Amino acid sequence: MTAAVRWTVHVSPDTNLALRDFLNTPNLDTEEASKFIKEAVRWRMLDNDVQTIKDRK
């Protein structure tokens, strides 16, 4: 596995609160946020790949 790359993500206060509520974690730490973002990006990329394949037909 290659070394991780650091990202800085800026979100609105509403998005921040919504994520904390969704994860039921008022004291959201960096590791939890990183895990959520990584999973969300993977799902979004998968969804994009599936849509690309569907569009070929």
PDB file of N, CA and C in Angstrom:
ATOM      1  N   MET A   1       0.846  -1.183   0.000  1.00  0.00           N
ATOM      2  CA  MET A   1       0.000   0.000   0.000  1.00  0.00           C
ATOM      3  C   MET A   1       0.883   1.236   0.000  1.00  0.00           C
ATOM      4  N   THR A   2       0.490   2.227  -0.787  1.00  0.00           N
ATOM      5  CA  THR A   2       1.267   3.460  -0.853  1.00  0.00           C
ATOM      6  C   THR A   2       0.912   4.371   0.315  1.00  0.00           C
ATOM      7  N   ALA A   3       1.743   5.352   0.521  1.00  0.00           N
ATOM      8  CA  ALA A   3       1.513   6.303   1.611  1.00  0.00           C
ATOM      9  C   ALA A   3       0.261   7.132   1.325  1.00  0.00           C
ATOM     10  N   ALA A   4      -0.423   7.497   2.372  1.00  0.00           N
ATOM     11  CA  ALA A   4      -1.638   8.304   2.241  1.00  0.00           C
ATOM     12  C   ALA A   4      -1.286   9.717   1.800  1.00  0.00           C
ATOM     13  N   VAL A   5      -2.227  10.332   1.119  1.00  0.00           N
ATOM     14  CA  VAL A   5      -2.094  11.717   0.684  1.00  0.00           C
ATOM     15  C   VAL A   5      -3.033  12.545   1.547  1.00  0.00           C
ATOM     16  N   ARG A   6      -2.564  13.679   2.017  1.00  0.00           N
ATOM     17  CA  ARG A   6      -3.379  14.528   2.887  1.00  0.00           C
ATOM     18  C   ARG A   6      -4.217  15.486   2.064  1.00  0.00           C
ATOM     19  N   TRP A   7      -5.498  15.546   2.377  1.00  0.00           N
ATOM     20  CA  TRP A   7      -6.430  16.483   1.766  1.00  0.00           C
ATOM     21  C   TRP A   7      -6.928  17.427   2.847  1.00  0.00           C
ATOM     22  N   THR A   8      -7.269  18.614   2.431  1.00  0.00           N
ATOM     23  CA  THR A   8      -7.960  19.547   3.311  1.00  0.00           C
ATOM     24  C   THR A   8      -9.343  19.756   2.714  1.00  0.00           C
ATOM     25  N   VAL A   9     -10.360  19.456   3.491  1.00  0.00           N
ATOM     26  CA  VAL A   9     -11.730  19.548   3.002  1.00  0.00           C
ATOM     27  C   VAL A   9     -12.460  20.618   3.806  1.00  0.00           C
ATOM     28  N   HIS A  10     -13.043  21.563   3.105  1.00  0.00           N
ATOM     29  CA  HIS A  10     -13.820  22.616   3.747  1.00  0.00           C
ATOM     30  C   HIS A  10     -15.291  22.371   3.452  1.00  0.00           C
ATOM     31  N   VAL A  11     -16.102  22.364   4.491  1.00  0.00           N
ATOM     32  CA  VAL A  11     -17.542  22.193   4.339  1.00  0.00           C
ATOM     33  C   VAL A  11     -18.258  23.290   5.121  1.00  0.00           C
ATOM     34  N   SER A  12     -19.500  23.489   4.781  1.00  0.00           N
ATOM     35  CA  SER A  12     -20.294  24.489   5.493  1.00  0.00           C
ATOM     36  C   SER A  12     -20.606  23.985   6.903  1.00  0.00           C
ATOM     37  N   PRO A  13     -20.926  24.890   7.807  1.00  0.00           N
ATOM     38  CA  PRO A  13     -21.325  24.463   9.158  1.00  0.00           C
ATOM     39  C   PRO A  13     -22.530  23.511   9.130  1.00  0.00           C
ATOM     40  N   ASP A  14     -23.466  23.739   8.194  1.00  0.00           N
ATOM     41  CA  ASP A  14     -24.623  22.844   8.085  1.00  0.00           C
ATOM     42  C   ASP A  14     -24.208  21.428   7.694  1.00  0.00           C
ATOM     43  N   THR A  15     -23.279  21.316   6.737  1.00  0.00           N
ATOM     44  CA  THR A  15     -22.790  20.002   6.327  1.00  0.00           C
ATOM     45  C   THR A  15     -22.049  19.328   7.476  1.00  0.00           C
ATOM     46  N   ASN A  16     -21.270  20.090   8.191  1.00  0.00           N
ATOM     47  CA  ASN A  16     -20.543  19.563   9.341  1.00  0.00           C
ATOM     48  C   ASN A  16     -21.507  18.970  10.370  1.00  0.00           C
ATOM     49  N   LEU A  17     -22.541  19.732  10.713  1.00  0.00           N
ATOM     50  CA  LEU A  17     -23.518  19.240  11.683  1.00  0.00           C
ATOM     51  C   LEU A  17     -24.300  18.047  11.160  1.00  0.00           C
ATOM     52  N   ALA A  18     -24.644  18.076   9.872  1.00  0.00           N
ATOM     53  CA  ALA A  18     -25.378  16.963   9.279  1.00  0.00           C
ATOM     54  C   ALA A  18     -24.557  15.675   9.329  1.00  0.00           C
ATOM     55  N   LEU A  19     -23.258  15.777   9.038  1.00  0.00           N
ATOM     56  CA  LEU A  19     -22.392  14.598   9.088  1.00  0.00           C
ATOM     57  C   LEU A  19     -22.271  14.079  10.516  1.00  0.00           C
ATOM     58  N   ARG A  20     -22.090  14.966  11.468  1.00  0.00           N
ATOM     59  CA  ARG A  20     -22.002  14.558  12.876  1.00  0.00           C
ATOM     60  C   ARG A  20     -23.291  13.876  13.327  1.00  0.00           C
ATOM     61  N   ASP A  21     -24.436  14.429  12.904  1.00  0.00           N
ATOM     62  CA  ASP A  21     -25.722  13.804  13.239  1.00  0.00           C
ATOM     63  C   ASP A  21     -25.862  12.440  12.573  1.00  0.00           C
ATOM     64  N   PHE A  22     -25.495  12.364  11.284  1.00  0.00           N
ATOM     65  CA  PHE A  22     -25.601  11.113  10.540  1.00  0.00           C
ATOM     66  C   PHE A  22     -24.757  10.013  11.174  1.00  0.00           C
ATOM     67  N   LEU A  23     -23.539  10.354  11.558  1.00  0.00           N
ATOM     68  CA  LEU A  23     -22.640   9.370  12.175  1.00  0.00           C
ATOM     69  C   LEU A  23     -22.898   9.214  13.670  1.00  0.00           C
ATOM     70  N   ASN A  24     -23.829  10.040  14.201  1.00  0.00           N
ATOM     71  CA  ASN A  24     -24.153  10.013  15.622  1.00  0.00           C
ATOM     72  C   ASN A  24     -22.898  10.185  16.469  1.00  0.00           C
ATOM     73  N   THR A  25     -22.048  11.136  16.045  1.00  0.00           N
ATOM     74  CA  THR A  25     -20.775  11.375  16.701  1.00  0.00           C
ATOM     75  C   THR A  25     -20.571  12.874  16.891  1.00  0.00           C
ATOM     76  N   PRO A  26     -20.990  13.415  18.040  1.00  0.00           N
ATOM     77  CA  PRO A  26     -20.827  14.858  18.255  1.00  0.00           C
ATOM     78  C   PRO A  26     -19.356  15.286  18.271  1.00  0.00           C
ATOM     79  N   ASN A  27     -18.480  14.419  18.738  1.00  0.00           N
ATOM     80  CA  ASN A  27     -17.044  14.728  18.812  1.00  0.00           C
ATOM     81  C   ASN A  27     -16.298  14.035  17.681  1.00  0.00           C
ATOM     82  N   LEU A  28     -16.734  14.304  16.461  1.00  0.00           N
ATOM     83  CA  LEU A  28     -16.155  13.674  15.271  1.00  0.00           C
ATOM     84  C   LEU A  28     -14.662  13.981  15.183  1.00  0.00           C
ATOM     85  N   ASP A  29     -13.851  12.934  15.088  1.00  0.00           N
ATOM     86  CA  ASP A  29     -12.413  13.172  14.953  1.00  0.00           C
ATOM     87  C   ASP A  29     -11.988  12.985  13.498  1.00  0.00           C
ATOM     88  N   THR A  30     -10.769  13.354  13.226  1.00  0.00           N
ATOM     89  CA  THR A  30     -10.241  13.343  11.860  1.00  0.00           C
ATOM     90  C   THR A  30     -10.293  11.945  11.249  1.00  0.00           C
ATOM     91  N   GLU A  31      -9.978  10.934  12.021  1.00  0.00           N
ATOM     92  CA  GLU A  31      -9.961   9.563  11.492  1.00  0.00           C
ATOM     93  C   GLU A  31     -11.355   9.123  11.047  1.00  0.00           C
ATOM     94  N   GLU A  32     -12.363   9.445  11.834  1.00  0.00           N
ATOM     95  CA  GLU A  32     -13.734   9.079  11.469  1.00  0.00           C
ATOM     96  C   GLU A  32     -14.191   9.828  10.220  1.00  0.00           C
ATOM     97  N   ALA A  33     -13.883  11.103  10.150  1.00  0.00           N
ATOM     98  CA  ALA A  33     -14.250  11.897   8.977  1.00  0.00           C
ATOM     99  C   ALA A  33     -13.527  11.378   7.741  1.00  0.00           C
ATOM    100  N   SER A  34     -12.256  11.048   7.879  1.00  0.00           N
ATOM    101  CA  SER A  34     -11.480  10.524   6.752  1.00  0.00           C
ATOM    102  C   SER A  34     -12.066   9.219   6.243  1.00  0.00           C
ATOM    103  N   LYS A  35     -12.444   8.345   7.156  1.00  0.00           N
ATOM    104  CA  LYS A  35     -13.024   7.057   6.774  1.00  0.00           C
ATOM    105  C   LYS A  35     -14.325   7.276   6.006  1.00  0.00           C
ATOM    106  N   PHE A  36     -15.162   8.189   6.494  1.00  0.00           N
ATOM    107  CA  PHE A  36     -16.428   8.472   5.834  1.00  0.00           C
ATOM    108  C   PHE A  36     -16.196   9.041   4.434  1.00  0.00           C
ATOM    109  N   ILE A  37     -15.299   9.997   4.309  1.00  0.00           N
ATOM    110  CA  ILE A  37     -15.016  10.619   3.014  1.00  0.00           C
ATOM    111  C   ILE A  37     -14.449   9.596   2.034  1.00  0.00           C
ATOM    112  N   LYS A  38     -13.530   8.761   2.509  1.00  0.00           N
ATOM    113  CA  LYS A  38     -12.935   7.744   1.643  1.00  0.00           C
ATOM    114  C   LYS A  38     -14.007   6.792   1.108  1.00  0.00           C
ATOM    115  N   GLU A  39     -14.899   6.355   1.985  1.00  0.00           N
ATOM    116  CA  GLU A  39     -15.972   5.451   1.566  1.00  0.00           C
ATOM    117  C   GLU A  39     -16.927   6.145   0.595  1.00  0.00           C
ATOM    118  N   ALA A  40     -17.263   7.396   0.876  1.00  0.00           N
ATOM    119  CA  ALA A  40     -18.170   8.151   0.003  1.00  0.00           C
ATOM    120  C   ALA A  40     -17.564   8.336  -1.392  1.00  0.00           C
ATOM    121  N   VAL A  41     -16.278   8.626  -1.447  1.00  0.00           N
ATOM    122  CA  VAL A  41     -15.606   8.804  -2.740  1.00  0.00           C
ATOM    123  C   VAL A  41     -15.593   7.488  -3.508  1.00  0.00           C
ATOM    124  N   ARG A  42     -15.310   6.391  -2.839  1.00  0.00           N
ATOM    125  CA  ARG A  42     -15.307   5.080  -3.516  1.00  0.00           C
ATOM    126  C   ARG A  42     -16.678   4.747  -4.085  1.00  0.00           C
ATOM    127  N   TRP A  43     -17.747   4.975  -3.291  1.00  0.00           N
ATOM    128  CA  TRP A  43     -19.100   4.710  -3.775  1.00  0.00           C
ATOM    129  C   TRP A  43     -19.445   5.601  -4.958  1.00  0.00           C
ATOM    130  N   ARG A  44     -19.056   6.862  -4.889  1.00  0.00           N
ATOM    131  CA  ARG A  44     -19.347   7.796  -5.980  1.00  0.00           C
ATOM    132  C   ARG A  44     -18.626   7.381  -7.251  1.00  0.00           C
ATOM    133  N   MET A  45     -17.385   6.947  -7.117  1.00  0.00           N
ATOM    134  CA  MET A  45     -16.626   6.495  -8.287  1.00  0.00           C
ATOM    135  C   MET A  45     -17.242   5.228  -8.870  1.00  0.00           C
ATOM    136  N   LEU A  46     -17.669   4.301  -8.013  1.00  0.00           N
ATOM    137  CA  LEU A  46     -18.328   3.083  -8.478  1.00  0.00           C
ATOM    138  C   LEU A  46     -19.615   3.432  -9.211  1.00  0.00           C
ATOM    139  N   ASP A  47     -20.408   4.330  -8.641  1.00  0.00           N
ATOM    140  CA  ASP A  47     -21.654   4.759  -9.268  1.00  0.00           C
ATOM    141  C   ASP A  47     -21.377   5.366 -10.643  1.00  0.00           C
ATOM    142  N   ASN A  48     -20.333   6.163 -10.736  1.00  0.00           N
ATOM    143  CA  ASN A  48     -19.961   6.771 -12.010  1.00  0.00           C
ATOM    144  C   ASN A  48     -19.564   5.703 -13.029  1.00  0.00           C
ATOM    145  N   ASP A  49     -18.793   4.711 -12.604  1.00  0.00           N
ATOM    146  CA  ASP A  49     -18.384   3.620 -13.506  1.00  0.00           C
ATOM    147  C   ASP A  49     -19.596   2.834 -14.001  1.00  0.00           C
ATOM    148  N   VAL A  50     -20.530   2.542 -13.093  1.00  0.00           N
ATOM    149  CA  VAL A  50     -21.734   1.801 -13.478  1.00  0.00           C
ATOM    150  C   VAL A  50     -22.545   2.608 -14.485  1.00  0.00           C
ATOM    151  N   GLN A  51     -22.687   3.895 -14.246  1.00  0.00           N
ATOM    152  CA  GLN A  51     -23.449   4.738 -15.170  1.00  0.00           C
ATOM    153  C   GLN A  51     -22.775   4.796 -16.537  1.00  0.00           C
ATOM    154  N   THR A  52     -21.443   4.867 -16.559  1.00  0.00           N
ATOM    155  CA  THR A  52     -20.696   4.887 -17.820  1.00  0.00           C
ATOM    156  C   THR A  52     -20.953   3.594 -18.610  1.00  0.00           C
ATOM    157  N   ILE A  53     -20.946   2.473 -17.918  1.00  0.00           N
ATOM    158  CA  ILE A  53     -21.191   1.174 -18.586  1.00  0.00           C
ATOM    159  C   ILE A  53     -22.617   1.116 -19.102  1.00  0.00           C
ATOM    160  N   LYS A  54     -23.581   1.579 -18.309  1.00  0.00           N
ATOM    161  CA  LYS A  54     -24.977   1.575 -18.750  1.00  0.00           C
ATOM    162  C   LYS A  54     -25.176   2.453 -19.979  1.00  0.00           C
ATOM    163  N   ASP A  55     -24.470   3.577 -20.038  1.00  0.00           N
ATOM    164  CA  ASP A  55     -24.601   4.515 -21.154  1.00  0.00           C
ATOM    165  C   ASP A  55     -24.041   3.952 -22.460  1.00  0.00           C
ATOM    166  N   ARG A  56     -23.186   2.963 -22.384  1.00  0.00           N
ATOM    167  CA  ARG A  56     -22.598   2.364 -23.588  1.00  0.00           C
ATOM    168  C   ARG A  56     -23.615   1.548 -24.371  1.00  0.00           C
ATOM    169  N   LYS A  57     -24.649   1.084 -23.699  1.00  0.00           N
ATOM    170  CA  LYS A  57     -25.638   0.209 -24.336  1.00  0.00           C
ATOM    171  C   LYS A  57     -26.630   0.962 -25.157  1.00  0.00           C
TER     172      LYS A  57
END
